[in-house]
Amino acid sequence: TSHGEQLTTGLERLESSNSMYNVEIGYSYLPESPAF
């Protein structure tokens, strides 16, 4: 739920500061990407 967004927000902010930590978050689906 909402508190759990802390993890995904954190992952996205890490990616913004360093593209090595790239993630791909699919909302209700699994992305196909070279990212996490």
All heavy atoms as atom14 arrays in JSON, in Angstrom:
{
  "sequence": "TSHGEQLTTGLERLESSNSMYNVEIGYSYLPESPAF",
  "atom14_mask": [
    [1, 1, 1, 1, 1, 1, 1, 0, 0, 0, 0, 0, 0, 0],
    [1, 1, 1, 1, 1, 1, 0, 0, 0, 0, 0, 0, 0, 0],
    [1, 1, 1, 1, 1, 1, 1, 1, 1, 1, 0, 0, 0, 0],
    [1, 1, 1, 1, 0, 0, 0, 0, 0, 0, 0, 0, 0, 0],
    [1, 1, 1, 1, 1, 1, 1, 1, 1, 0, 0, 0, 0, 0],
    [1, 1, 1, 1, 1, 1, 1, 1, 1, 0, 0, 0, 0, 0],
    [1, 1, 1, 1, 1, 1, 1, 1, 0, 0, 0, 0, 0, 0],
    [1, 1, 1, 1, 1, 1, 1, 0, 0, 0, 0, 0, 0, 0],
    [1, 1, 1, 1, 1, 1, 1, 0, 0, 0, 0, 0, 0, 0],
    [1, 1, 1, 1, 0, 0, 0, 0, 0, 0, 0, 0, 0, 0],
    [1, 1, 1, 1, 1, 1, 1, 1, 0, 0, 0, 0, 0, 0],
    [1, 1, 1, 1, 1, 1, 1, 1, 1, 0, 0, 0, 0, 0],
    [1, 1, 1, 1, 1, 1, 1, 1, 1, 1, 1, 0, 0, 0],
    [1, 1, 1, 1, 1, 1, 1, 1, 0, 0, 0, 0, 0, 0],
    [1, 1, 1, 1, 1, 1, 1, 1, 1, 0, 0, 0, 0, 0],
    [1, 1, 1, 1, 1, 1, 0, 0, 0, 0, 0, 0, 0, 0],
    [1, 1, 1, 1, 1, 1, 0, 0, 0, 0, 0, 0, 0, 0],
    [1, 1, 1, 1, 1, 1, 1, 1, 0, 0, 0, 0, 0, 0],
    [1, 1, 1, 1, 1, 1, 0, 0, 0, 0, 0, 0, 0, 0],
    [1, 1, 1, 1, 1, 1, 1, 1, 0, 0, 0, 0, 0, 0],
    [1, 1, 1, 1, 1, 1, 1, 1, 1, 1, 1, 1, 0, 0],
    [1, 1, 1, 1, 1, 1, 1, 1, 0, 0, 0, 0, 0, 0],
    [1, 1, 1, 1, 1, 1, 1, 0, 0, 0, 0, 0, 0, 0],
    [1, 1, 1, 1, 1, 1, 1, 1, 1, 0, 0, 0, 0, 0],
    [1, 1, 1, 1, 1, 1, 1, 1, 0, 0, 0, 0, 0, 0],
    [1, 1, 1, 1, 0, 0, 0, 0, 0, 0, 0, 0, 0, 0],
    [1, 1, 1, 1, 1, 1, 1, 1, 1, 1, 1, 1, 0, 0],
    [1, 1, 1, 1, 1, 1, 0, 0, 0, 0, 0, 0, 0, 0],
    [1, 1, 1, 1, 1, 1, 1, 1, 1, 1, 1, 1, 0, 0],
    [1, 1, 1, 1, 1, 1, 1, 1, 0, 0, 0, 0, 0, 0],
    [1, 1, 1, 1, 1, 1, 1, 0, 0, 0, 0, 0, 0, 0],
    [1, 1, 1, 1, 1, 1, 1, 1, 1, 0, 0, 0, 0, 0],
    [1, 1, 1, 1, 1, 1, 0, 0, 0, 0, 0, 0, 0, 0],
    [1, 1, 1, 1, 1, 1, 1, 0, 0, 0, 0, 0, 0, 0],
    [1, 1, 1, 1, 1, 0, 0, 0, 0, 0, 0, 0, 0, 0],
    [1, 1, 1, 1, 1, 1, 1, 1, 1, 1, 1, 0, 0, 0]
  ],
  "atom14_positions": [
    [[0.87, -1.18, 0.0], [0.0, 0.0, 0.0], [0.91, 1.23, 0.0], [2.01, 1.2, -0.55], [-0.95, -0.01, 1.21], [-0.18, -0.14, 2.42], [-1.93, -1.18, 1.11], [0.0, 0.0, 0.0], [0.0, 0.0, 0.0], [0.0, 0.0, 0.0], [0.0, 0.0, 0.0], [0.0, 0.0, 0.0], [0.0, 0.0, 0.0], [0.0, 0.0, 0.0]],
    [[0.47, 2.33, 0.64], [1.21, 3.59, 0.51], [2.58, 3.57, 1.17], [3.56, 4.08, 0.61], [0.38, 4.74, 1.07], [-0.04, 4.47, 2.4], [0.0, 0.0, 0.0], [0.0, 0.0, 0.0], [0.0, 0.0, 0.0], [0.0, 0.0, 0.0], [0.0, 0.0, 0.0], [0.0, 0.0, 0.0], [0.0, 0.0, 0.0], [0.0, 0.0, 0.0]],
    [[2.72, 2.97, 2.37], [4.03, 2.94, 3.03], [5.05, 2.17, 2.19], [6.23, 2.49, 2.2], [3.91, 2.32, 4.42], [3.43, 3.28, 5.47], [2.09, 3.58, 5.63], [4.09, 4.03, 6.39], [1.95, 4.46, 6.62], [3.15, 4.75, 7.09], [0.0, 0.0, 0.0], [0.0, 0.0, 0.0], [0.0, 0.0, 0.0], [0.0, 0.0, 0.0]],
    [[4.59, 1.16, 1.49], [5.5, 0.37, 0.68], [6.1, 1.13, -0.47], [7.12, 0.7, -1.05], [0.0, 0.0, 0.0], [0.0, 0.0, 0.0], [0.0, 0.0, 0.0], [0.0, 0.0, 0.0], [0.0, 0.0, 0.0], [0.0, 0.0, 0.0], [0.0, 0.0, 0.0], [0.0, 0.0, 0.0], [0.0, 0.0, 0.0], [0.0, 0.0, 0.0]],
    [[5.5, 2.28, -0.83], [6.06, 3.11, -1.89], [7.44, 3.65, -1.52], [8.19, 4.1, -2.39], [5.13, 4.29, -2.19], [3.81, 3.88, -2.81], [2.86, 5.06, -2.97], [3.3, 6.21, -2.71], [1.7, 4.83, -3.33], [0.0, 0.0, 0.0], [0.0, 0.0, 0.0], [0.0, 0.0, 0.0], [0.0, 0.0, 0.0], [0.0, 0.0, 0.0]],
    [[7.77, 3.6, -0.23], [9.08, 4.09, 0.18], [10.2, 3.35, -0.55], [11.21, 3.94, -0.93], [9.25, 3.97, 1.69], [8.3, 4.85, 2.48], [8.43, 4.67, 3.98], [9.5, 4.27, 4.48], [7.37, 4.94, 4.72], [0.0, 0.0, 0.0], [0.0, 0.0, 0.0], [0.0, 0.0, 0.0], [0.0, 0.0, 0.0], [0.0, 0.0, 0.0]],
    [[10.02, 2.05, -0.74], [11.06, 1.25, -1.4], [11.18, 1.6, -2.87], [12.29, 1.81, -3.38], [10.78, -0.24, -1.23], [11.22, -0.9, 0.07], [10.48, -0.31, 1.27], [10.99, -2.41, 0.01], [0.0, 0.0, 0.0], [0.0, 0.0, 0.0], [0.0, 0.0, 0.0], [0.0, 0.0, 0.0], [0.0, 0.0, 0.0], [0.0, 0.0, 0.0]],
    [[10.04, 1.65, -3.58], [10.1, 1.94, -5.01], [10.52, 3.38, -5.27], [11.27, 3.66, -6.22], [8.74, 1.64, -5.67], [7.7, 2.29, -4.94], [8.48, 0.15, -5.7], [0.0, 0.0, 0.0], [0.0, 0.0, 0.0], [0.0, 0.0, 0.0], [0.0, 0.0, 0.0], [0.0, 0.0, 0.0], [0.0, 0.0, 0.0], [0.0, 0.0, 0.0]],
    [[10.07, 4.32, -4.43], [10.51, 5.71, -4.57], [12.02, 5.8, -4.36], [12.73, 6.49, -5.11], [9.8, 6.63, -3.56], [8.4, 6.63, -3.83], [10.34, 8.05, -3.62], [0.0, 0.0, 0.0], [0.0, 0.0, 0.0], [0.0, 0.0, 0.0], [0.0, 0.0, 0.0], [0.0, 0.0, 0.0], [0.0, 0.0, 0.0], [0.0, 0.0, 0.0]],
    [[12.52, 5.1, -3.36], [13.95, 5.1, -3.1], [14.74, 4.54, -4.26], [15.79, 5.09, -4.65], [0.0, 0.0, 0.0], [0.0, 0.0, 0.0], [0.0, 0.0, 0.0], [0.0, 0.0, 0.0], [0.0, 0.0, 0.0], [0.0, 0.0, 0.0], [0.0, 0.0, 0.0], [0.0, 0.0, 0.0], [0.0, 0.0, 0.0], [0.0, 0.0, 0.0]],
    [[14.25, 3.45, -4.85], [14.93, 2.87, -6.0], [14.96, 3.84, -7.18], [15.98, 3.98, -7.87], [14.23, 1.57, -6.41], [14.42, 0.39, -5.46], [13.46, -0.75, -5.84], [15.85, -0.12, -5.47], [0.0, 0.0, 0.0], [0.0, 0.0, 0.0], [0.0, 0.0, 0.0], [0.0, 0.0, 0.0], [0.0, 0.0, 0.0], [0.0, 0.0, 0.0]],
    [[13.85, 4.52, -7.41], [13.8, 5.47, -8.52], [14.71, 6.66, -8.29], [15.35, 7.16, -9.22], [12.35, 5.93, -8.73], [11.45, 4.85, -9.29], [9.99, 5.26, -9.34], [9.56, 6.07, -8.48], [9.27, 4.76, -10.23], [0.0, 0.0, 0.0], [0.0, 0.0, 0.0], [0.0, 0.0, 0.0], [0.0, 0.0, 0.0], [0.0, 0.0, 0.0]],
    [[14.81, 7.12, -7.05], [15.69, 8.25, -6.76], [17.16, 7.85, -6.88], [17.99, 8.65, -7.32], [15.38, 8.78, -5.36], [14.05, 9.52, -5.29], [13.78, 10.08, -3.9], [14.75, 11.1, -3.52], [14.71, 12.37, -3.9], [13.75, 12.79, -4.69], [15.64, 13.22, -3.48], [0.0, 0.0, 0.0], [0.0, 0.0, 0.0], [0.0, 0.0, 0.0]],
    [[17.49, 6.63, -6.52], [18.85, 6.14, -6.71], [19.21, 6.1, -8.19], [20.31, 6.47, -8.59], [19.02, 4.77, -6.08], [19.0, 4.71, -4.55], [18.99, 3.25, -4.09], [20.2, 5.44, -3.95], [0.0, 0.0, 0.0], [0.0, 0.0, 0.0], [0.0, 0.0, 0.0], [0.0, 0.0, 0.0], [0.0, 0.0, 0.0], [0.0, 0.0, 0.0]],
    [[18.26, 5.66, -9.01], [18.49, 5.62, -10.45], [18.7, 7.04, -11.0], [19.54, 7.25, -11.88], [17.31, 4.96, -11.16], [17.47, 4.93, -12.67], [16.25, 4.37, -13.37], [15.17, 4.32, -12.77], [16.39, 3.99, -14.56], [0.0, 0.0, 0.0], [0.0, 0.0, 0.0], [0.0, 0.0, 0.0], [0.0, 0.0, 0.0], [0.0, 0.0, 0.0]],
    [[17.94, 7.99, -10.47], [18.06, 9.37, -10.94], [19.45, 9.95, -10.67], [19.96, 10.78, -11.43], [17.0, 10.26, -10.28], [15.7, 9.86, -10.67], [0.0, 0.0, 0.0], [0.0, 0.0, 0.0], [0.0, 0.0, 0.0], [0.0, 0.0, 0.0], [0.0, 0.0, 0.0], [0.0, 0.0, 0.0], [0.0, 0.0, 0.0], [0.0, 0.0, 0.0]],
    [[20.07, 9.48, -9.58], [21.39, 9.99, -9.23], [22.51, 9.19, -9.87], [23.63, 9.68, -10.01], [21.57, 9.99, -7.71], [21.5, 8.68, -7.19], [0.0, 0.0, 0.0], [0.0, 0.0, 0.0], [0.0, 0.0, 0.0], [0.0, 0.0, 0.0], [0.0, 0.0, 0.0], [0.0, 0.0, 0.0], [0.0, 0.0, 0.0], [0.0, 0.0, 0.0]],
    [[22.22, 7.96, -10.28], [23.24, 7.11, -10.9], [22.54, 6.06, -11.75], [21.88, 5.17, -11.22], [24.1, 6.44, -9.83], [25.29, 5.7, -10.42], [25.28, 5.27, -11.57], [26.35, 5.56, -9.63], [0.0, 0.0, 0.0], [0.0, 0.0, 0.0], [0.0, 0.0, 0.0], [0.0, 0.0, 0.0], [0.0, 0.0, 0.0], [0.0, 0.0, 0.0]],
    [[22.68, 6.15, -13.06], [21.97, 5.27, -13.98], [22.37, 3.8, -13.85], [21.68, 2.93, -14.38], [22.19, 5.72, -15.43], [23.57, 5.67, -15.77], [0.0, 0.0, 0.0], [0.0, 0.0, 0.0], [0.0, 0.0, 0.0], [0.0, 0.0, 0.0], [0.0, 0.0, 0.0], [0.0, 0.0, 0.0], [0.0, 0.0, 0.0], [0.0, 0.0, 0.0]],
    [[23.47, 3.53, -13.16], [23.85, 2.14, -12.93], [22.77, 1.4, -12.15], [22.56, 0.2, -12.33], [25.18, 2.06, -12.19], [25.65, 0.64, -11.9], [27.25, 0.61, -11.08], [26.86, 1.44, -9.52], [0.0, 0.0, 0.0], [0.0, 0.0, 0.0], [0.0, 0.0, 0.0], [0.0, 0.0, 0.0], [0.0, 0.0, 0.0], [0.0, 0.0, 0.0]],
    [[22.05, 2.14, -11.29], [21.02, 1.52, -10.47], [19.65, 1.63, -11.15], [18.64, 1.94, -10.51], [20.97, 2.2, -9.1], [22.3, 2.17, -8.38], [23.01, 3.35, -8.14], [22.88, 0.97, -7.97], [24.23, 3.34, -7.48], [24.12, 0.95, -7.33], [24.77, 2.12, -7.1], [26.0, 2.09, -6.46], [0.0, 0.0, 0.0], [0.0, 0.0, 0.0]],
    [[19.62, 1.34, -12.44], [18.36, 1.5, -13.17], [17.36, 0.41, -12.83], [17.7, -0.77, -12.69], [18.62, 1.56, -14.68], [19.36, 0.35, -15.21], [20.3, -0.13, -14.58], [18.96, -0.11, -16.37], [0.0, 0.0, 0.0], [0.0, 0.0, 0.0], [0.0, 0.0, 0.0], [0.0, 0.0, 0.0], [0.0, 0.0, 0.0], [0.0, 0.0, 0.0]],
    [[16.13, 0.83, -12.65], [15.03, -0.07, -12.36], [13.9, 0.18, -13.35], [13.78, 1.28, -13.92], [14.49, 0.12, -10.92], [15.55, -0.21, -9.89], [13.96, 1.53, -10.71], [0.0, 0.0, 0.0], [0.0, 0.0, 0.0], [0.0, 0.0, 0.0], [0.0, 0.0, 0.0], [0.0, 0.0, 0.0], [0.0, 0.0, 0.0], [0.0, 0.0, 0.0]],
    [[13.09, -0.82, -13.56], [11.91, -0.69, -14.4], [10.74, -1.27, -13.6], [10.71, -2.47, -13.31], [12.08, -1.44, -15.71], [10.98, -1.19, -16.72], [11.05, 0.21, -17.33], [12.14, 0.77, -17.43], [9.97, 0.73, -17.71], [0.0, 0.0, 0.0], [0.0, 0.0, 0.0], [0.0, 0.0, 0.0], [0.0, 0.0, 0.0], [0.0, 0.0, 0.0]],
    [[9.79, -0.4, -13.24], [8.66, -0.8, -12.4], [7.41, -0.86, -13.26], [6.99, 0.14, -13.83], [8.47, 0.17, -11.23], [9.74, 0.21, -10.36], [7.27, -0.24, -10.38], [9.73, 1.28, -9.29], [0.0, 0.0, 0.0], [0.0, 0.0, 0.0], [0.0, 0.0, 0.0], [0.0, 0.0, 0.0], [0.0, 0.0, 0.0], [0.0, 0.0, 0.0]],
    [[6.84, -2.04, -13.34], [5.6, -2.22, -14.09], [4.42, -2.29, -13.15], [4.4, -3.12, -12.25], [0.0, 0.0, 0.0], [0.0, 0.0, 0.0], [0.0, 0.0, 0.0], [0.0, 0.0, 0.0], [0.0, 0.0, 0.0], [0.0, 0.0, 0.0], [0.0, 0.0, 0.0], [0.0, 0.0, 0.0], [0.0, 0.0, 0.0], [0.0, 0.0, 0.0]],
    [[3.46, -1.42, -13.35], [2.3, -1.39, -12.47], [1.27, -2.4, -12.97], [0.64, -2.22, -13.99], [1.74, 0.02, -12.38], [2.77, 0.97, -11.78], [3.51, 1.82, -12.59], [3.03, 0.95, -10.42], [4.48, 2.65, -12.04], [4.01, 1.77, -9.86], [4.72, 2.63, -10.68], [5.7, 3.43, -10.13], [0.0, 0.0, 0.0], [0.0, 0.0, 0.0]],
    [[1.21, -3.53, -12.27], [0.37, -4.68, -12.6], [0.88, -5.45, -13.81], [0.13, -6.18, -14.46], [-1.09, -4.27, -12.82], [-1.65, -3.77, -11.62], [0.0, 0.0, 0.0], [0.0, 0.0, 0.0], [0.0, 0.0, 0.0], [0.0, 0.0, 0.0], [0.0, 0.0, 0.0], [0.0, 0.0, 0.0], [0.0, 0.0, 0.0], [0.0, 0.0, 0.0]],
    [[2.16, -5.32, -14.12], [2.77, -6.14, -15.16], [4.27, -6.21, -14.92], [4.84, -5.38, -14.21], [2.47, -5.6, -16.56], [3.25, -4.36, -16.92], [4.43, -4.44, -17.65], [2.79, -3.09, -16.54], [5.16, -3.3, -17.98], [3.49, -1.96, -16.87], [4.68, -2.06, -17.59], [5.39, -0.93, -17.9], [0.0, 0.0, 0.0], [0.0, 0.0, 0.0]],
    [[4.92, -7.21, -15.52], [6.37, -7.38, -15.4], [7.04, -6.78, -16.63], [6.82, -7.25, -17.75], [6.74, -8.85, -15.28], [8.23, -9.14, -15.12], [8.75, -8.58, -13.79], [8.51, -10.65, -15.21], [0.0, 0.0, 0.0], [0.0, 0.0, 0.0], [0.0, 0.0, 0.0], [0.0, 0.0, 0.0], [0.0, 0.0, 0.0], [0.0, 0.0, 0.0]],
    [[7.86, -5.75, -16.45], [8.54, -5.15, -17.6], [9.58, -6.09, -18.2], [10.07, -7.01, -17.53], [9.22, -3.91, -17.0], [8.63, -3.73, -15.65], [8.19, -5.09, -15.19], [0.0, 0.0, 0.0], [0.0, 0.0, 0.0], [0.0, 0.0, 0.0], [0.0, 0.0, 0.0], [0.0, 0.0, 0.0], [0.0, 0.0, 0.0], [0.0, 0.0, 0.0]],
    [[9.91, -5.84, -19.45], [11.02, -6.51, -20.11], [12.07, -5.45, -20.38], [11.9, -4.61, -21.26], [10.56, -7.19, -21.39], [9.61, -8.36, -21.16], [9.28, -9.09, -22.45], [9.92, -8.77, -23.49], [8.39, -9.95, -22.43], [0.0, 0.0, 0.0], [0.0, 0.0, 0.0], [0.0, 0.0, 0.0], [0.0, 0.0, 0.0], [0.0, 0.0, 0.0]],
    [[13.14, -5.49, -19.63], [14.12, -4.42, -19.69], [15.44, -4.93, -19.15], [15.47, -5.86, -18.33], [13.63, -3.22, -18.85], [14.65, -2.28, -18.64], [0.0, 0.0, 0.0], [0.0, 0.0, 0.0], [0.0, 0.0, 0.0], [0.0, 0.0, 0.0], [0.0, 0.0, 0.0], [0.0, 0.0, 0.0], [0.0, 0.0, 0.0], [0.0, 0.0, 0.0]],
    [[16.58, -4.32, -19.55], [17.88, -4.69, -18.96], [18.05, -4.16, -17.54], [19.06, -4.41, -16.91], [18.88, -4.06, -19.92], [18.15, -2.92, -20.55], [16.73, -3.38, -20.67], [0.0, 0.0, 0.0], [0.0, 0.0, 0.0], [0.0, 0.0, 0.0], [0.0, 0.0, 0.0], [0.0, 0.0, 0.0], [0.0, 0.0, 0.0], [0.0, 0.0, 0.0]],
    [[17.05, -3.45, -17.03], [17.09, -2.92, -15.67], [16.64, -3.98, -14.66], [16.28, -5.11, -15.03], [16.19, -1.69, -15.58], [0.0, 0.0, 0.0], [0.0, 0.0, 0.0], [0.0, 0.0, 0.0], [0.0, 0.0, 0.0], [0.0, 0.0, 0.0], [0.0, 0.0, 0.0], [0.0, 0.0, 0.0], [0.0, 0.0, 0.0], [0.0, 0.0, 0.0]],
    [[16.67, -3.63, -13.39], [16.09, -4.45, -12.33], [14.57, -4.34, -12.47], [13.99, -3.29, -12.22], [16.57, -3.94, -10.98], [16.01, -4.66, -9.78], [15.62, -5.99, -9.84], [15.88, -4.0, -8.57], [15.11, -6.65, -8.73], [15.38, -4.63, -7.45], [14.99, -5.97, -7.53], [0.0, 0.0, 0.0], [0.0, 0.0, 0.0], [0.0, 0.0, 0.0]]
  ]
}
